[in-house]
């Protein structure tokens, strides 16, 4: 199976000469950070005496560029993609064209050596969310929910809101209680709202540049995994190495209290919770795994118990990614393009770590020879240990 990619500069495909000269194309896609790109080109002297590509308007400030990667339908035997992913990864198929970057050039660095030998031009860019970061604003939002605010801001930049953005929405901000004040750039404001409500905010394309979707939504962990990632199968392995870890130093419950203008109760209202509201990706959440719950206090200004509970759940969602996996895969071997937001299965890595994970970040490195993907997977649960089902205390032999 051959893997390919195309580079669009200013809306037009890069010529074959430029594609051959590219030392490397690197793209990083993330669930909670803007997508970024880095291109590296050799520098030579042109017939006009100038340096190649340095003054090329296609690599000038805020010039548009995009990267579309393509893979076949399967990689190693027995590990073909097993379903269509759902959730904030873009709702895209794991095979076929994948627009892994769509944005703008923001920076350029020129490295020169005597005689131009080994001289290089490095170009950096960021996705369309950069346009949402150019102006800091002071704006009041009244009688609107978080998803409506996000939809209004996305529309200002030609971005289509994801249809699930209204799920698990915030209460409406009213003049009678607290209106919503923006004192930040549009993207910084939306990311602040997303974090405090336990959602992610990002802009991504599926298969075609320019068709941009704005996600303001909780990670969808209830769908099927798109494929199996295997490291211990001698014949059908799909990843070269994995680093797995878990961290037990995170809260598992929140005690939330606040007073309301509309409620004279001196004790205020409560929003206590030990449930993040997200589906568990395996058998044991952190509290069950450790056997020793950890509680934190939350005090914040809200207008209802519903809003307070949502803020408390957001704390647990962020803390709940206590299990982490890092690895690297080759596109030709794996057979599909990994995207942030996909669900994948790890197989053959033991009872604790095998099972479903969400792809949180992917760093693509594309050269003329190969396309590698360095990924980070997260999940909010682990499998039940085969030899000890009594939590962490049983694992370490504590009484």
Protein backbone atom coordinates (compact mmCIF):
# COMPACT_ATOMS: atom_id res chain seq x y z
CA UNK A 1 0.00 0.00 0.00
CA UNK A 2 1.40 3.38 -0.98
CA UNK A 3 0.82 6.46 1.16
CA UNK A 4 0.88 9.93 -0.34
CA UNK A 5 0.24 13.52 0.61
CA UNK A 6 -0.41 16.79 -1.17
CA UNK A 7 0.53 20.33 -0.19
CA UNK A 8 -1.66 23.26 -1.19
CA UNK A 9 -0.12 26.75 -1.24
CA UNK A 10 -2.42 29.71 -1.81
CA UNK A 11 -5.18 27.28 -2.81
CA UNK A 12 -3.07 25.63 -5.53
CA UNK A 13 -1.15 22.33 -5.47
CA UNK A 14 2.60 22.68 -4.91
CA UNK A 15 4.63 21.74 -7.97
CA UNK A 16 6.43 18.39 -8.06
CA UNK A 17 9.86 20.07 -7.90
CA UNK A 18 8.97 21.73 -4.60
CA UNK A 19 7.53 18.51 -3.21
CA UNK A 20 10.79 16.67 -3.97
CA UNK A 21 12.85 19.42 -2.31
CA UNK A 22 10.92 19.38 0.96
CA UNK A 23 13.19 17.87 3.60
CA UNK A 24 10.25 17.25 5.91
CA UNK A 25 6.67 18.31 6.51
CA UNK A 26 5.58 18.15 10.14
CA UNK A 27 2.00 18.63 11.32
CA UNK A 28 0.71 18.46 14.88
CA UNK A 29 -3.00 17.99 15.55
CA UNK A 30 -4.43 18.19 19.07
CA UNK A 31 -7.75 18.08 20.89
CA UNK A 32 -7.00 21.11 23.05
CA UNK A 33 -4.39 23.10 21.13
CA UNK A 34 -4.36 24.70 17.67
CA UNK A 35 -2.98 22.59 14.84
CA UNK A 36 0.52 23.60 13.73
CA UNK A 37 2.78 22.95 10.74
CA UNK A 38 6.50 23.16 9.98
CA UNK A 39 8.04 22.92 6.52
CA UNK A 40 11.78 22.65 5.88
CA UNK A 41 13.26 23.50 2.46
CA UNK A 42 16.83 23.66 1.12
CA UNK A 43 17.96 27.11 -0.01
CA UNK A 44 19.84 27.77 -3.26
CA UNK A 45 20.74 30.74 -5.47
CA UNK A 46 18.23 31.53 -8.23
CA UNK A 47 19.13 32.69 -11.75
CA UNK A 48 18.20 36.22 -10.66
CA UNK A 49 20.70 36.09 -7.79
CA UNK A 50 18.05 35.81 -5.06
CA UNK A 51 17.59 33.02 -2.51
CA UNK A 52 15.03 30.42 -3.50
CA UNK A 53 11.64 30.50 -1.77
CA UNK A 54 12.63 33.15 0.82
CA UNK A 55 10.72 35.92 -0.96
CA UNK A 56 8.16 33.60 -2.54
CA UNK A 57 4.70 35.09 -1.74
CA UNK A 58 3.39 31.56 -1.17
CA UNK A 59 5.55 31.49 1.97
CA UNK A 60 4.77 35.05 3.03
CA UNK A 61 2.90 36.18 6.16
CA UNK A 62 -0.64 34.76 6.45
CA UNK A 63 -0.36 32.90 3.14
CA UNK A 64 -2.70 29.91 3.14
CA UNK A 65 -1.48 26.33 3.13
CA UNK A 66 -2.99 22.93 3.74
CA UNK A 67 -1.86 19.32 3.86
CA UNK A 68 -3.97 16.35 2.74
CA UNK A 69 -2.68 12.87 3.56
CA UNK A 70 -3.93 9.72 1.86
CA UNK A 71 -3.68 6.07 2.87
CA UNK A 72 -5.06 2.83 1.51
CA UNK A 73 -7.78 0.72 3.07
CA UNK A 74 -5.60 -1.55 5.20
CA UNK A 75 -2.14 -1.99 6.58
CA UNK A 76 -0.77 -5.08 8.27
CA UNK A 77 -2.91 -8.21 7.88
CA UNK A 78 -5.77 -8.44 10.35
CA UNK A 79 -5.62 -4.87 11.60
CA UNK A 80 -7.69 -2.99 9.05
CA UNK A 81 -9.90 -0.14 10.29
CA UNK A 82 -12.95 -1.64 11.96
CA UNK A 83 -15.52 1.16 11.92
CA UNK A 84 -16.25 4.82 11.23
CA UNK A 85 -15.21 7.09 14.12
CA UNK A 86 -17.55 9.52 15.81
CA UNK A 87 -17.05 12.53 18.04
CA UNK A 88 -14.92 15.66 17.85
CA UNK A 89 -12.25 14.12 15.65
CA UNK A 90 -14.16 15.34 12.63
CA UNK A 91 -16.45 12.41 11.86
CA UNK A 92 -14.01 11.24 9.19
CA UNK A 93 -13.17 7.85 7.73
CA UNK A 94 -9.78 6.45 8.80
CA UNK A 95 -8.78 5.74 5.19
CA UNK A 96 -8.83 7.92 2.10
CA UNK A 97 -8.06 11.64 2.01
CA UNK A 98 -7.51 13.34 5.37
CA UNK A 99 -6.96 17.10 5.63
CA UNK A 100 -4.55 17.08 8.56
CA UNK A 101 -3.78 20.81 8.34
CA UNK A 102 -5.56 23.88 6.98
CA UNK A 103 -4.26 27.28 8.02
CA UNK A 104 -1.83 30.14 7.57
CA UNK A 105 1.92 30.82 7.56
CA UNK A 106 2.97 32.83 10.60
CA UNK A 107 6.74 32.62 10.80
CA UNK A 108 9.86 31.99 8.74
CA UNK A 109 13.46 31.24 9.72
CA UNK A 110 16.42 31.28 7.33
CA UNK A 111 19.61 29.36 8.13
CA UNK A 112 22.61 30.16 5.91
CA UNK A 113 26.01 28.49 5.58
CA UNK A 114 29.01 29.35 3.41
CA UNK A 115 28.29 28.59 -0.22
CA UNK A 116 24.66 27.86 0.72
CA UNK A 117 25.54 24.21 1.40
CA UNK A 118 23.10 22.86 3.99
CA UNK A 119 21.27 26.22 4.10
CA UNK A 120 17.58 25.82 4.92
CA UNK A 121 14.34 27.75 5.12
CA UNK A 122 11.93 26.73 7.86
CA UNK A 123 8.32 27.87 7.72
CA UNK A 124 5.79 27.63 10.55
CA UNK A 125 2.02 27.95 10.45
CA UNK A 126 -1.12 27.54 12.53
CA UNK A 127 -4.71 26.61 11.76
CA UNK A 128 -7.56 29.07 11.13
CA UNK A 129 -7.99 29.67 14.86
CA UNK A 130 -5.10 32.15 14.52
CA UNK A 131 -7.49 34.56 12.79
CA UNK A 132 -9.65 34.35 15.92
CA UNK A 133 -6.71 35.47 18.04
CA UNK A 134 -5.81 38.74 16.30
CA UNK A 135 -8.11 41.10 18.20
CA UNK A 136 -8.83 41.21 21.92
CA UNK A 137 -12.42 42.27 22.52
CA UNK A 138 -14.67 43.52 25.30
CA UNK A 139 -18.15 42.22 24.60
CA UNK A 140 -21.25 41.34 26.62
CA UNK A 141 -23.27 38.23 25.75
CA UNK A 142 -26.85 38.29 27.08
CA UNK A 143 -29.62 35.65 27.00
CA UNK A 144 -27.37 33.13 25.27
CA UNK A 145 -25.94 29.72 26.15
CA UNK A 146 -22.33 28.69 25.61
CA UNK A 147 -23.10 26.82 22.38
CA UNK A 148 -24.92 29.86 20.96
CA UNK A 149 -21.95 32.07 21.76
CA UNK A 150 -19.62 29.56 20.08
CA UNK A 151 -21.87 29.33 17.00
CA UNK A 152 -21.97 33.12 16.67
CA UNK A 153 -18.19 33.44 16.91
CA UNK A 154 -17.54 30.52 14.54
CA UNK A 155 -19.88 32.12 11.98
CA UNK A 156 -17.79 35.30 11.99
CA UNK A 157 -14.92 33.26 10.51
CA UNK A 158 -16.86 31.07 8.10
CA UNK A 159 -16.62 28.03 10.37
CA UNK A 160 -19.57 25.60 10.60
CA UNK A 161 -20.52 24.55 14.16
CA UNK A 162 -20.50 20.80 14.81
CA UNK A 163 -24.09 19.57 15.18
CA UNK A 164 -23.44 18.11 18.65
CA UNK A 165 -22.24 21.41 20.15
CA UNK A 166 -25.62 22.02 21.82
CA UNK A 167 -25.41 18.79 23.83
CA UNK A 168 -24.89 19.26 27.60
CA UNK A 169 -25.14 23.01 27.15
CA UNK A 170 -24.74 25.68 29.81
CA UNK A 171 -27.70 27.58 31.26
CA UNK A 172 -28.53 30.86 29.58
CA UNK A 173 -26.71 33.99 30.80
CA UNK A 174 -29.31 36.66 31.61
CA UNK A 175 -29.30 40.29 32.71
CA UNK A 176 -31.31 39.34 35.78
CA UNK A 177 -28.42 37.26 37.11
CA UNK A 178 -25.04 37.37 35.37
CA UNK A 179 -24.48 38.22 31.75
CA UNK A 180 -21.41 36.76 30.08
CA UNK A 181 -18.52 39.18 29.61
CA UNK A 182 -15.77 38.62 27.06
CA UNK A 183 -12.43 40.31 27.68
CA UNK A 184 -10.18 38.31 25.37
CA UNK A 185 -9.69 37.30 21.77
CA UNK A 186 -12.46 35.14 20.34
CA UNK A 187 -10.50 31.88 20.45
CA UNK A 188 -9.10 32.52 23.94
CA UNK A 189 -12.62 33.29 25.16
CA UNK A 190 -14.10 30.13 23.64
CA UNK A 191 -11.32 27.96 25.05
CA UNK A 192 -11.93 29.45 28.51
CA UNK A 193 -15.64 28.65 28.24
CA UNK A 194 -14.86 25.15 27.00
CA UNK A 195 -12.45 24.36 29.81
CA UNK A 196 -14.80 25.48 32.58
CA UNK A 197 -17.66 23.44 31.11
CA UNK A 198 -15.60 20.30 30.46
CA UNK A 199 -15.52 20.56 26.68
CA UNK A 200 -12.94 20.94 23.96
CA UNK A 201 -12.79 23.79 21.47
CA UNK A 202 -11.02 23.30 18.16
CA UNK A 203 -11.38 23.83 14.42
CA UNK A 204 -10.64 21.00 12.00
CA UNK A 205 -11.31 19.77 8.48
CA UNK A 206 -12.28 16.26 7.47
CA UNK A 207 -11.09 15.45 3.94
CA UNK A 208 -11.05 18.80 2.12
CA UNK A 209 -9.28 22.08 2.96
CA UNK A 210 -11.53 25.09 3.44
CA UNK A 211 -14.50 23.10 4.79
CA UNK A 212 -13.93 23.89 8.46
CA UNK A 213 -15.91 22.61 11.42
CA UNK A 214 -15.91 24.26 14.84
CA UNK A 215 -16.07 21.88 17.78
CA UNK A 216 -17.32 23.06 21.18
CA UNK A 217 -18.24 19.72 22.65
CA UNK A 218 -17.37 17.08 25.22
CA UNK A 219 -15.16 14.27 23.90
CA UNK A 220 -17.34 11.45 22.57
CA UNK A 221 -16.17 8.24 24.21
CA UNK A 222 -19.21 6.09 23.42
CA UNK A 223 -18.48 5.20 19.80
CA UNK A 224 -16.66 2.15 18.47
CA UNK A 225 -12.91 2.09 18.00
CA UNK A 226 -11.79 2.62 14.40
CA UNK A 227 -8.90 0.15 14.46
CA UNK A 228 -6.57 -1.98 16.54
CA UNK A 229 -3.06 -0.86 17.44
CA UNK A 230 -0.75 -3.81 18.10
CA UNK A 231 2.89 -3.83 19.22
CA UNK A 232 3.43 -7.43 20.39
CA UNK A 233 2.25 -9.31 17.31
CA UNK A 234 5.37 -10.55 15.51
CA UNK A 235 3.68 -10.57 12.11
CA UNK A 236 0.81 -8.07 12.30
CA UNK A 237 2.28 -5.33 14.50
CA UNK A 238 1.20 -1.79 13.58
CA UNK A 239 3.15 0.36 16.07
CA UNK A 240 6.86 0.16 16.76
CA UNK A 241 6.85 1.02 20.45
CA UNK A 242 4.56 2.20 23.24
CA UNK A 243 5.10 4.04 26.51
CA UNK A 244 2.24 3.57 28.98
CA UNK A 245 1.66 5.14 32.38
CA UNK A 246 -1.01 5.97 34.91
CA UNK A 247 -1.10 8.70 37.58
CA UNK A 248 -3.04 8.25 40.82
CA UNK A 249 -2.50 11.81 42.14
CA UNK A 250 -5.70 13.26 40.65
CA UNK A 251 -9.04 14.19 42.25
CA UNK A 252 -11.94 11.78 41.96
CA UNK A 253 -14.69 13.93 43.51
CA UNK A 254 -15.50 17.62 43.92
CA UNK A 255 -17.20 19.45 46.77
CA UNK A 256 -18.73 22.60 45.26
CA UNK A 257 -20.45 25.42 47.15
CA UNK A 258 -21.55 28.94 46.28
CA UNK A 259 -24.09 31.59 47.33
CA UNK A 260 -26.72 32.95 44.94
CA UNK A 261 -28.22 36.43 44.72
CA UNK A 262 -31.59 34.75 44.19
CA UNK A 263 -31.29 32.44 47.21
CA UNK A 264 -31.14 33.66 50.80
CA UNK A 265 -29.98 30.34 52.23
CA UNK A 266 -26.79 31.15 54.20
CA UNK A 267 -25.34 27.78 53.24
CA UNK A 268 -25.73 28.56 49.55
CA UNK A 269 -26.15 25.76 47.01
CA UNK A 270 -24.20 22.56 46.42
CA UNK A 271 -22.88 21.02 43.23
CA UNK A 272 -20.99 18.05 44.67
CA UNK A 273 -20.17 15.28 42.24
CA UNK A 274 -17.98 12.25 41.71
CA UNK A 275 -19.18 11.74 38.13
CA UNK A 276 -17.48 13.53 35.21
CA UNK A 277 -20.42 12.83 32.91
CA UNK A 278 -18.19 11.06 30.38
CA UNK A 279 -18.43 7.39 29.52
CA UNK A 280 -15.63 5.26 30.96
CA UNK A 281 -13.24 3.80 28.40
CA UNK A 282 -12.63 0.67 30.48
CA UNK A 283 -13.68 -1.12 33.67
CA UNK A 284 -12.12 0.90 36.47
CA UNK A 285 -12.22 4.66 36.89
CA UNK A 286 -9.56 6.29 39.03
CA UNK A 287 -11.49 6.01 42.32
CA UNK A 288 -12.17 2.30 41.81
CA UNK A 289 -8.61 1.67 40.63
CA UNK A 290 -6.92 3.31 43.62
CA UNK A 291 -9.51 2.44 46.25
CA UNK A 292 -8.76 5.80 47.89
CA UNK A 293 -10.89 8.70 46.57
CA UNK A 294 -9.41 12.21 46.52
CA UNK A 295 -11.71 15.22 47.00
CA UNK A 296 -11.08 18.86 46.07
CA UNK A 297 -13.07 22.02 46.87
CA UNK A 298 -14.54 24.31 44.22
CA UNK A 299 -15.91 27.80 44.81
CA UNK A 300 -17.07 29.78 41.78
CA UNK A 301 -19.71 32.35 40.88
CA UNK A 302 -22.70 30.78 39.10
CA UNK A 303 -26.45 31.35 38.95
CA UNK A 304 -27.79 27.84 39.49
CA UNK A 305 -27.01 24.45 40.95
CA UNK A 306 -27.00 23.08 37.40
CA UNK A 307 -24.19 25.42 36.40
CA UNK A 308 -22.24 24.63 39.58
CA UNK A 309 -22.46 20.89 38.93
CA UNK A 310 -21.27 21.43 35.35
CA UNK A 311 -18.21 23.31 36.62
CA UNK A 312 -17.50 20.51 39.11
CA UNK A 313 -17.79 17.89 36.37
CA UNK A 314 -15.38 19.91 34.24
CA UNK A 315 -12.76 19.61 37.00
CA UNK A 316 -13.16 15.82 36.99
CA UNK A 317 -13.07 15.59 33.19
CA UNK A 318 -9.73 17.34 33.02
CA UNK A 319 -8.33 15.36 35.94
CA UNK A 320 -9.84 12.10 34.74
CA UNK A 321 -7.31 11.42 31.96
CA UNK A 322 -5.08 9.54 34.39
CA UNK A 323 -3.96 6.87 31.92
CA UNK A 324 -1.65 7.87 29.06
CA UNK A 325 0.02 6.16 26.13
CA UNK A 326 2.62 7.48 23.68
CA UNK A 327 3.82 5.70 20.58
CA UNK A 328 4.78 5.95 16.95
CA UNK A 329 3.25 4.35 13.89
CA UNK A 330 4.15 4.21 10.22
CA UNK A 331 1.27 5.15 7.92
CA UNK A 332 2.03 2.47 5.37
CA UNK A 333 2.18 -0.20 8.05
CA UNK A 334 -0.87 1.03 9.97
CA UNK A 335 -3.01 1.58 6.90
CA UNK A 336 -4.90 4.71 7.95
CA UNK A 337 -4.28 8.29 9.01
CA UNK A 338 -4.56 8.85 12.76
CA UNK A 339 -6.61 11.95 13.67
CA UNK A 340 -7.20 13.66 17.00
CA UNK A 341 -10.53 12.53 18.46
CA UNK A 342 -10.49 9.02 17.00
CA UNK A 343 -11.08 6.03 19.24
CA UNK A 344 -8.65 3.13 18.87
CA UNK A 345 -8.05 -0.21 20.58
CA UNK A 346 -4.73 -1.19 22.09
CA UNK A 347 -4.39 -4.96 21.86
CA UNK A 348 -1.98 -7.36 23.48
CA UNK A 349 -0.63 -4.95 26.12
CA UNK A 350 -2.00 -6.65 29.24
CA UNK A 351 -5.25 -6.53 31.19
CA UNK A 352 -4.70 -3.04 32.62
CA UNK A 353 -3.89 -1.19 29.40
CA UNK A 354 -5.60 -3.15 26.61
CA UNK A 355 -8.85 -1.72 25.29
CA UNK A 356 -10.28 1.53 23.96
CA UNK A 357 -8.42 4.86 24.04
CA UNK A 358 -8.98 8.31 22.55
CA UNK A 359 -6.34 9.85 20.29
CA UNK A 360 -5.45 13.19 21.90
CA UNK A 361 -2.54 14.41 19.78
CA UNK A 362 -0.86 13.28 16.57
CA UNK A 363 2.43 14.62 15.22
CA UNK A 364 2.86 13.72 11.55
CA UNK A 365 6.32 13.74 10.02
CA UNK A 366 6.23 13.29 6.26
CA UNK A 367 9.32 12.83 4.11
CA UNK A 368 9.84 11.47 0.62
CA UNK A 369 10.50 8.03 2.11
CA UNK A 370 7.78 7.64 4.75
CA UNK A 371 5.00 9.13 6.87
CA UNK A 372 5.33 8.53 10.61
CA UNK A 373 2.78 9.48 13.25
CA UNK A 374 3.84 10.14 16.83
CA UNK A 375 0.68 9.94 18.93
CA UNK A 376 -0.61 10.45 22.46
CA UNK A 377 -3.59 8.42 23.65
CA UNK A 378 -5.57 9.14 26.81
CA UNK A 379 -8.28 7.39 28.73
CA UNK A 380 -10.23 7.84 31.94
CA UNK A 381 -10.20 4.22 33.11
CA UNK A 382 -8.07 1.09 33.08
CA UNK A 383 -8.81 -2.60 32.72
CA UNK A 384 -9.34 -4.83 35.70
CA UNK A 385 -5.97 -6.37 36.70
CA UNK A 386 -6.05 -10.08 36.02
CA UNK A 387 -4.31 -11.06 39.26
CA UNK A 388 -5.73 -8.41 41.58
CA UNK A 389 -9.22 -6.98 41.27
CA UNK A 390 -9.19 -5.06 44.54
CA UNK A 391 -7.78 -1.74 43.45
CA UNK A 392 -4.32 -0.27 43.84
CA UNK A 393 -3.96 -1.52 47.40
CA UNK A 394 -4.21 -5.10 46.14
CA UNK A 395 -1.69 -4.41 43.40
CA UNK A 396 0.96 -3.25 45.86
CA UNK A 397 0.10 -5.81 48.53
CA UNK A 398 -1.23 -3.29 51.06
CA UNK A 399 -3.68 -4.40 53.71
